[in-house]
Amino acid sequence: MAEPQDMILPLLREMRTELQTGFSDVCRQFVAVDARFDRLERQCDDLRKAMTGESMLGRCAAAGVGKRLDAIERRLVILEKTD
């Protein structure tokens, strides 16, 4: 039977190899998760920009309608005065 001190170093080497393999797997998984989060953040930013753009478009359209209504009201007032 081998002496316990002769078994320690091979066991430690084996443990170190397994730990390094495990840590490299975890690091790869973190890289994949980070990439997914980056993609989700870009999608959220794009969505936020699109929503802001749509609201600006809506404001511009509403302002245009308001100007047209003002013009119609002015013409109506002029028509009412001439009667």
Protein backbone atom coordinates (compact mmCIF):
# COMPACT_ATOMS: atom_id res chain seq x y z
CA MET A 1 0.00 0.00 0.00
CA ALA A 2 1.25 3.45 -0.87
CA GLU A 3 2.15 5.88 1.82
CA PRO A 4 -0.44 8.67 2.42
CA GLN A 5 2.17 11.32 1.65
CA ASP A 6 2.72 9.74 -1.78
CA MET A 7 -1.02 10.01 -2.53
CA ILE A 8 -1.41 13.67 -1.57
CA LEU A 9 0.40 15.31 -4.48
CA PRO A 10 -1.36 13.30 -7.22
CA LEU A 11 -4.71 14.01 -5.58
CA LEU A 12 -3.94 17.73 -5.36
CA ARG A 13 -2.90 17.78 -9.02
CA GLU A 14 -6.11 16.03 -10.01
CA MET A 15 -8.19 18.46 -7.95
CA ARG A 16 -6.41 21.44 -9.49
CA THR A 17 -7.11 20.13 -13.00
CA GLU A 18 -10.79 19.60 -12.22
CA LEU A 19 -11.09 23.04 -10.64
CA GLN A 20 -9.45 24.72 -13.63
CA THR A 21 -11.80 22.90 -15.99
CA GLY A 22 -14.80 23.86 -13.88
CA PHE A 23 -13.75 27.50 -13.66
CA SER A 24 -13.19 27.74 -17.40
CA ASP A 25 -16.69 26.31 -17.97
CA VAL A 26 -18.18 28.87 -15.58
CA CYS A 27 -16.27 31.69 -17.30
CA ARG A 28 -17.63 30.57 -20.70
CA GLN A 29 -21.14 30.55 -19.28
CA PHE A 30 -20.68 34.06 -17.88
CA VAL A 31 -19.51 35.28 -21.28
CA ALA A 32 -22.65 33.79 -22.87
CA VAL A 33 -24.90 35.37 -20.24
CA ASP A 34 -23.18 38.75 -20.65
CA ALA A 35 -23.72 38.56 -24.41
CA ARG A 36 -27.43 37.85 -23.88
CA PHE A 37 -27.77 40.78 -21.48
CA ASP A 38 -25.99 43.07 -23.93
CA ARG A 39 -28.40 42.00 -26.67
CA LEU A 40 -31.42 42.59 -24.40
CA GLU A 41 -30.13 46.02 -23.39
CA ARG A 42 -29.72 46.98 -27.07
CA GLN A 43 -33.25 45.79 -27.79
CA CYS A 44 -34.62 47.81 -24.86
CA ASP A 45 -32.71 50.89 -26.04
CA ASP A 46 -34.06 50.45 -29.57
CA LEU A 47 -37.59 50.06 -28.23
CA ARG A 48 -37.20 53.13 -26.03
CA LYS A 49 -35.92 55.16 -28.98
CA ALA A 50 -38.80 53.95 -31.16
CA MET A 51 -41.37 54.88 -28.53
CA THR A 52 -39.82 58.33 -28.11
CA GLY A 53 -39.83 58.83 -31.87
CA GLU A 54 -43.47 57.80 -32.13
CA SER A 55 -44.48 60.19 -29.40
CA MET A 56 -42.60 63.01 -31.15
CA LEU A 57 -44.35 62.10 -34.39
CA GLY A 58 -47.68 62.16 -32.56
CA ARG A 59 -46.93 65.58 -31.09
CA CYS A 60 -46.03 66.96 -34.50
CA ALA A 61 -49.21 65.53 -36.02
CA ALA A 62 -51.32 66.96 -33.19
CA ALA A 63 -49.68 70.35 -33.63
CA GLY A 64 -50.50 70.24 -37.35
CA VAL A 65 -54.13 69.41 -36.63
CA GLY A 66 -54.27 72.24 -34.08
CA LYS A 67 -52.98 74.73 -36.65
CA ARG A 68 -55.53 73.57 -39.21
CA LEU A 69 -58.36 73.89 -36.67
CA ASP A 70 -57.21 77.40 -35.77
CA ALA A 71 -57.29 78.38 -39.45
CA ILE A 72 -60.81 76.96 -39.84
CA GLU A 73 -62.02 78.82 -36.74
CA ARG A 74 -60.59 82.10 -38.06
CA ARG A 75 -62.40 81.63 -41.37
CA LEU A 76 -65.60 80.76 -39.52
CA VAL A 77 -65.37 83.92 -37.44
CA ILE A 78 -64.89 85.98 -40.61
CA LEU A 79 -67.89 84.27 -42.24
CA GLU A 80 -70.07 84.89 -39.19
CA LYS A 81 -69.17 88.61 -39.18
CA THR A 82 -70.09 89.04 -42.84
CA ASP A 83 -73.58 87.64 -42.38
